[in-house]
């Protein structure tokens, strides 16, 4: 009888240990935290349709600010980089170091100007106000991988009109407006209309862009950032299939106020007030193949 209290206590401790283990197993690995990000200009006016991306993640998280200038994004626990862009403003990049707690809200101010480098955000900062550090691509070793994914859903005001339809081809007018990102929109257009082979031209004006110069030795693109209002003097491109999905490939030449030009491979285009793209789609599919020498995906007419 004298051993009963000891056995009883031991059983209670064992039960508690089992319960704790079960609870820990049910919780699983840490999940991303949902953060409300608000964007406004230096006057305090909200910015709608600002484009946001959170990296790293299994897949990059993308969102647009709503009518209140707010977007909700999943921030991974291990650290992340938030990039924000809007027509007429320079890109803003915030590096969050990561910890057990992430801020519930982040308050960002977009403006003309630049800071010298990425900004570290600590968990005890619930609100931060920053002015345009260098773009995300400028931070990440000044290079863009050819396999960088193109986000979808970033052209909310894109308009499409079918101009011609015949047995062998279709011709579309694809019109973008301020608040759209054109490469994302063209990708959405190709997916929605089952485009397997097309070529296109475009004309208009934009308030900013990320272009690229192909560095064959490094097998990647050197970014060229355009953070001013420019004319689209020439835009040409094509659409072909890679792994069964349409891939948009386009180059532009942009005209500055003084008549000088800048051009390159397109990674981002932000129309202002409009970009008019005319697409001719053919019925015979074109497919791409990997090219080990360059690291690119090239159209292979033999497929």
Protein backbone atom coordinates (compact mmCIF):
# COMPACT_ATOMS: atom_id res chain seq x y z
CA UNK A 1 0.00 0.00 0.00
CA UNK A 2 2.89 2.33 0.65
CA UNK A 3 3.88 2.13 -3.03
CA UNK A 4 0.46 3.24 -4.34
CA UNK A 5 1.02 7.02 -4.19
CA UNK A 6 4.34 6.62 -5.98
CA UNK A 7 2.87 4.44 -8.72
CA UNK A 8 -0.09 6.78 -9.09
CA UNK A 9 2.19 9.81 -9.43
CA UNK A 10 4.36 7.98 -11.95
CA UNK A 11 1.28 7.11 -14.01
CA UNK A 12 0.15 10.74 -14.01
CA UNK A 13 3.56 11.92 -15.17
CA UNK A 14 3.62 9.28 -17.92
CA UNK A 15 0.15 10.33 -19.07
CA UNK A 16 1.23 13.96 -19.21
CA UNK A 17 4.32 13.06 -21.24
CA UNK A 18 2.24 11.05 -23.75
CA UNK A 19 -0.32 13.86 -24.03
CA UNK A 20 2.44 16.43 -24.59
CA UNK A 21 4.00 14.28 -27.31
CA UNK A 22 0.66 13.84 -29.06
CA UNK A 23 -0.01 17.58 -28.95
CA UNK A 24 3.44 18.35 -30.33
CA UNK A 25 2.92 15.87 -33.16
CA UNK A 26 -0.49 17.34 -33.99
CA UNK A 27 0.97 20.82 -34.26
CA UNK A 28 3.44 19.75 -36.94
CA UNK A 29 6.02 22.13 -38.47
CA UNK A 30 5.61 25.92 -38.10
CA UNK A 31 3.14 27.35 -40.58
CA UNK A 32 3.51 30.67 -42.42
CA UNK A 33 2.05 33.75 -40.75
CA UNK A 34 -0.54 35.86 -42.54
CA UNK A 35 0.56 39.50 -42.54
CA UNK A 36 -1.51 42.52 -43.58
CA UNK A 37 0.65 44.83 -45.71
CA UNK A 38 -0.62 48.40 -46.26
CA UNK A 39 0.86 50.62 -48.97
CA UNK A 40 0.54 54.39 -49.37
CA UNK A 41 2.48 57.35 -50.77
CA UNK A 42 4.31 60.07 -48.85
CA UNK A 43 1.10 62.09 -48.50
CA UNK A 44 -0.66 59.15 -46.82
CA UNK A 45 -2.88 58.40 -49.83
CA UNK A 46 -3.42 54.65 -50.27
CA UNK A 47 -2.06 52.86 -53.34
CA UNK A 48 -4.36 50.26 -54.88
CA UNK A 49 -3.22 47.40 -57.14
CA UNK A 50 0.33 47.60 -55.80
CA UNK A 51 2.05 44.34 -56.70
CA UNK A 52 3.66 42.33 -53.90
CA UNK A 53 5.84 39.24 -53.83
CA UNK A 54 7.19 37.32 -50.82
CA UNK A 55 10.31 35.16 -51.28
CA UNK A 56 11.59 32.63 -50.47
CA UNK A 57 8.79 30.12 -50.31
CA UNK A 58 7.93 26.81 -51.93
CA UNK A 59 6.23 29.00 -54.47
CA UNK A 60 6.48 32.76 -54.49
CA UNK A 61 3.44 34.37 -52.86
CA UNK A 62 1.87 37.18 -54.91
CA UNK A 63 -0.90 39.66 -54.13
CA UNK A 64 -2.37 43.02 -55.13
CA UNK A 65 -3.47 45.70 -52.67
CA UNK A 66 -7.24 46.17 -52.47
CA UNK A 67 -9.35 49.34 -52.41
CA UNK A 68 -8.01 50.04 -48.92
CA UNK A 69 -4.39 49.71 -50.01
CA UNK A 70 -4.03 46.41 -48.12
CA UNK A 71 -2.95 42.93 -49.17
CA UNK A 72 -2.63 39.76 -47.08
CA UNK A 73 0.41 37.54 -47.64
CA UNK A 74 1.89 34.41 -46.09
CA UNK A 75 5.30 35.12 -44.56
CA UNK A 76 7.46 32.00 -44.00
CA UNK A 77 8.96 31.64 -40.51
CA UNK A 78 12.53 31.15 -41.66
CA UNK A 79 12.97 34.59 -43.19
CA UNK A 80 11.66 36.27 -46.29
CA UNK A 81 12.05 39.13 -48.75
CA UNK A 82 9.04 41.31 -49.58
CA UNK A 83 9.09 43.37 -52.78
CA UNK A 84 6.42 45.96 -53.63
CA UNK A 85 5.93 47.87 -56.88
CA UNK A 86 3.34 50.24 -58.28
CA UNK A 87 3.21 52.35 -61.45
CA UNK A 88 4.83 55.73 -60.90
CA UNK A 89 6.83 54.56 -57.86
CA UNK A 90 10.19 52.91 -57.44
CA UNK A 91 10.27 49.37 -56.16
CA UNK A 92 10.49 48.81 -52.44
CA UNK A 93 12.30 45.82 -50.98
CA UNK A 94 12.12 44.77 -47.33
CA UNK A 95 14.19 41.91 -45.95
CA UNK A 96 12.60 40.22 -42.93
CA UNK A 97 15.19 38.29 -40.92
CA UNK A 98 12.68 35.81 -39.52
CA UNK A 99 12.03 34.66 -35.94
CA UNK A 100 9.35 33.00 -33.83
CA UNK A 101 7.07 36.00 -34.26
CA UNK A 102 6.37 38.05 -37.38
CA UNK A 103 4.65 41.46 -37.43
CA UNK A 104 0.87 41.44 -37.76
CA UNK A 105 0.90 44.51 -40.01
CA UNK A 106 3.50 46.21 -42.15
CA UNK A 107 2.99 49.82 -43.22
CA UNK A 108 4.99 50.81 -46.33
CA UNK A 109 5.50 54.19 -47.96
CA UNK A 110 6.38 54.28 -51.68
CA UNK A 111 8.13 57.36 -52.99
CA UNK A 112 10.76 58.55 -55.42
CA UNK A 113 14.22 57.99 -53.97
CA UNK A 114 16.50 55.18 -52.89
CA UNK A 115 18.20 53.72 -49.85
CA UNK A 116 21.61 52.12 -49.91
CA UNK A 117 20.60 48.52 -49.27
CA UNK A 118 18.12 45.94 -47.99
CA UNK A 119 16.28 46.69 -44.76
CA UNK A 120 16.24 44.22 -41.85
CA UNK A 121 12.86 44.01 -40.11
CA UNK A 122 12.83 42.60 -36.57
CA UNK A 123 9.85 40.77 -35.00
CA UNK A 124 9.11 43.56 -32.53
CA UNK A 125 8.47 46.06 -35.33
CA UNK A 126 4.75 46.09 -36.07
CA UNK A 127 4.93 49.04 -38.46
CA UNK A 128 7.72 50.25 -40.70
CA UNK A 129 7.87 53.14 -43.16
CA UNK A 130 10.59 53.05 -45.81
CA UNK A 131 11.40 54.83 -49.06
CA UNK A 132 12.37 52.74 -52.08
CA UNK A 133 15.46 50.60 -51.48
CA UNK A 134 16.93 48.88 -54.56
CA UNK A 135 14.68 46.37 -56.37
CA UNK A 136 14.68 42.70 -55.36
CA UNK A 137 16.66 41.70 -58.45
CA UNK A 138 19.37 44.23 -57.56
CA UNK A 139 19.75 42.57 -54.15
CA UNK A 140 19.97 38.99 -55.34
CA UNK A 141 23.49 39.01 -56.81
CA UNK A 142 22.45 41.35 -59.64
CA UNK A 143 21.23 38.47 -61.78
CA UNK A 144 17.97 36.94 -62.98
CA UNK A 145 17.71 33.23 -63.61
CA UNK A 146 16.23 32.24 -66.99
CA UNK A 147 13.92 29.90 -65.07
CA UNK A 148 12.50 32.68 -62.86
CA UNK A 149 8.72 32.04 -62.75
CA UNK A 150 6.36 34.59 -64.27
CA UNK A 151 3.58 35.42 -61.78
CA UNK A 152 0.00 35.29 -63.02
CA UNK A 153 -2.97 37.46 -62.07
CA UNK A 154 -1.11 40.80 -62.05
CA UNK A 155 -3.05 42.46 -64.88
CA UNK A 156 -6.52 43.04 -63.38
CA UNK A 157 -7.68 45.56 -66.02
CA UNK A 158 -6.38 43.73 -69.11
CA UNK A 159 -8.86 43.74 -72.01
CA UNK A 160 -8.90 41.26 -74.91
CA UNK A 161 -10.76 41.50 -78.22
CA UNK A 162 -10.76 38.91 -81.00
CA UNK A 163 -10.20 40.81 -84.27
CA UNK A 164 -10.00 37.96 -86.76
CA UNK A 165 -10.69 34.24 -86.69
CA UNK A 166 -9.97 31.79 -89.48
CA UNK A 167 -9.09 28.13 -89.79
CA UNK A 168 -5.36 28.75 -89.51
CA UNK A 169 -5.01 31.81 -87.28
CA UNK A 170 -6.61 34.23 -84.88
CA UNK A 171 -5.71 37.88 -84.28
CA UNK A 172 -6.27 39.53 -80.87
CA UNK A 173 -5.95 43.02 -79.45
CA UNK A 174 -4.67 42.76 -75.86
CA UNK A 175 -4.87 46.11 -74.06
CA UNK A 176 -3.22 46.95 -70.74
CA UNK A 177 -3.76 49.91 -68.42
CA UNK A 178 -2.14 51.58 -65.44
CA UNK A 179 -1.99 49.06 -62.59
CA UNK A 180 -1.33 46.06 -64.87
CA UNK A 181 1.91 44.15 -65.32
CA UNK A 182 2.06 43.24 -69.00
CA UNK A 183 4.21 40.07 -68.97
CA UNK A 184 1.96 38.52 -66.32
CA UNK A 185 -1.08 39.58 -68.36
CA UNK A 186 0.23 38.11 -71.62
CA UNK A 187 0.92 34.84 -69.79
CA UNK A 188 -2.65 34.82 -68.45
CA UNK A 189 -3.97 35.61 -71.94
CA UNK A 190 -2.02 32.73 -73.50
CA UNK A 191 -3.22 30.25 -70.87
CA UNK A 192 -6.87 31.36 -71.04
CA UNK A 193 -6.97 31.22 -74.86
CA UNK A 194 -4.93 28.01 -75.23
CA UNK A 195 -2.25 29.71 -77.31
CA UNK A 196 0.36 27.21 -78.52
CA UNK A 197 2.11 29.34 -81.17
CA UNK A 198 1.94 33.11 -81.64
CA UNK A 199 3.88 36.26 -82.41
CA UNK A 200 3.05 39.83 -81.40
CA UNK A 201 3.99 43.48 -81.49
CA UNK A 202 3.19 46.27 -79.06
CA UNK A 203 3.22 50.03 -78.62
CA UNK A 204 2.41 52.40 -75.77
CA UNK A 205 3.98 53.98 -72.70
CA UNK A 206 5.10 52.65 -69.33
CA UNK A 207 6.14 54.04 -65.97
CA UNK A 208 8.70 51.36 -65.13
CA UNK A 209 10.23 48.08 -66.23
CA UNK A 210 12.69 45.36 -65.39
CA UNK A 211 14.63 44.28 -68.47
CA UNK A 212 17.54 41.90 -68.87
CA UNK A 213 20.76 41.54 -70.83
CA UNK A 214 21.70 37.91 -71.52
CA UNK A 215 25.07 36.97 -70.04
CA UNK A 216 25.93 33.78 -71.92
CA UNK A 217 29.03 33.09 -69.83
CA UNK A 218 27.03 33.08 -66.57
CA UNK A 219 23.87 31.66 -68.20
CA UNK A 220 21.63 34.31 -66.65
CA UNK A 221 20.35 37.85 -67.20
CA UNK A 222 21.87 41.05 -65.89
CA UNK A 223 18.93 43.23 -64.79
CA UNK A 224 18.29 46.66 -66.31
CA UNK A 225 15.90 48.69 -64.15
CA UNK A 226 13.83 51.46 -65.71
CA UNK A 227 12.22 53.70 -63.07
CA UNK A 228 10.87 56.54 -65.19
CA UNK A 229 8.11 57.33 -67.67
CA UNK A 230 9.17 56.09 -71.12
CA UNK A 231 7.66 55.36 -74.54
CA UNK A 232 7.47 51.81 -75.89
CA UNK A 233 9.11 52.40 -79.27
CA UNK A 234 9.20 48.73 -80.20
CA UNK A 235 7.89 45.55 -78.61
CA UNK A 236 8.18 42.19 -80.34
CA UNK A 237 7.78 38.68 -79.06
CA UNK A 238 6.50 35.16 -79.46
CA UNK A 239 4.65 32.46 -77.54
CA UNK A 240 5.60 28.78 -77.61
CA UNK A 241 5.13 25.70 -75.44
CA UNK A 242 7.43 24.43 -72.70
CA UNK A 243 6.32 21.33 -70.78
CA UNK A 244 2.84 21.80 -72.21
CA UNK A 245 2.45 25.40 -71.01
CA UNK A 246 2.69 28.63 -73.05
CA UNK A 247 5.80 30.74 -72.48
CA UNK A 248 5.89 34.42 -73.47
CA UNK A 249 9.24 35.71 -74.78
CA UNK A 250 9.49 39.40 -75.61
CA UNK A 251 12.00 42.23 -76.08
CA UNK A 252 11.42 46.00 -76.02
CA UNK A 253 13.13 49.24 -76.95
CA UNK A 254 12.12 52.14 -74.69
CA UNK A 255 12.50 55.86 -75.44
CA UNK A 256 13.48 58.35 -72.75
CA UNK A 257 12.58 62.04 -72.57
CA UNK A 258 15.92 63.12 -74.09
CA UNK A 259 15.54 60.74 -77.03
CA UNK A 260 17.97 58.13 -75.72
CA UNK A 261 16.86 54.51 -75.62
CA UNK A 262 17.21 51.44 -73.45
CA UNK A 263 16.17 47.91 -74.32
CA UNK A 264 16.38 44.25 -73.48
CA UNK A 265 14.58 41.06 -72.59
CA UNK A 266 11.35 41.79 -70.69
CA UNK A 267 10.82 40.61 -67.09
CA UNK A 268 8.34 43.32 -66.05
CA UNK A 269 6.44 46.09 -67.85
CA UNK A 270 4.15 48.55 -66.04
CA UNK A 271 1.90 50.39 -68.54
CA UNK A 272 1.01 54.06 -68.03
CA UNK A 273 -1.43 54.99 -69.39
CA UNK A 274 -1.69 52.05 -71.82
CA UNK A 275 0.13 49.31 -73.72
CA UNK A 276 -1.49 47.97 -76.90
CA UNK A 277 -0.39 44.49 -77.99
CA UNK A 278 -1.57 42.77 -81.18
CA UNK A 279 -1.22 39.00 -81.14
CA UNK A 280 -1.41 36.64 -84.12
CA UNK A 281 -2.00 33.07 -82.95
CA UNK A 282 -1.45 30.09 -85.24
CA UNK A 283 -2.93 26.60 -85.02
CA UNK A 284 0.34 24.65 -85.47
CA UNK A 285 1.99 24.28 -82.04
CA UNK A 286 5.57 25.43 -81.49
CA UNK A 287 7.59 23.74 -78.75
CA UNK A 288 10.76 24.68 -76.90
CA UNK A 289 13.73 22.52 -75.94
CA UNK A 290 16.49 23.09 -73.38
CA UNK A 291 19.84 24.33 -74.68
CA UNK A 292 22.63 23.26 -72.31
CA UNK A 293 25.24 25.55 -73.86
CA UNK A 294 23.28 28.73 -73.09
CA UNK A 295 20.97 27.58 -70.32
CA UNK A 296 18.02 28.88 -72.34
CA UNK A 297 14.87 27.24 -73.69
CA UNK A 298 14.87 27.55 -77.47
CA UNK A 299 12.10 27.01 -80.05
CA UNK A 300 12.61 23.71 -81.87
CA UNK A 301 10.67 23.66 -85.19
CA UNK A 302 11.42 19.93 -85.63
CA UNK A 303 9.09 18.95 -82.77
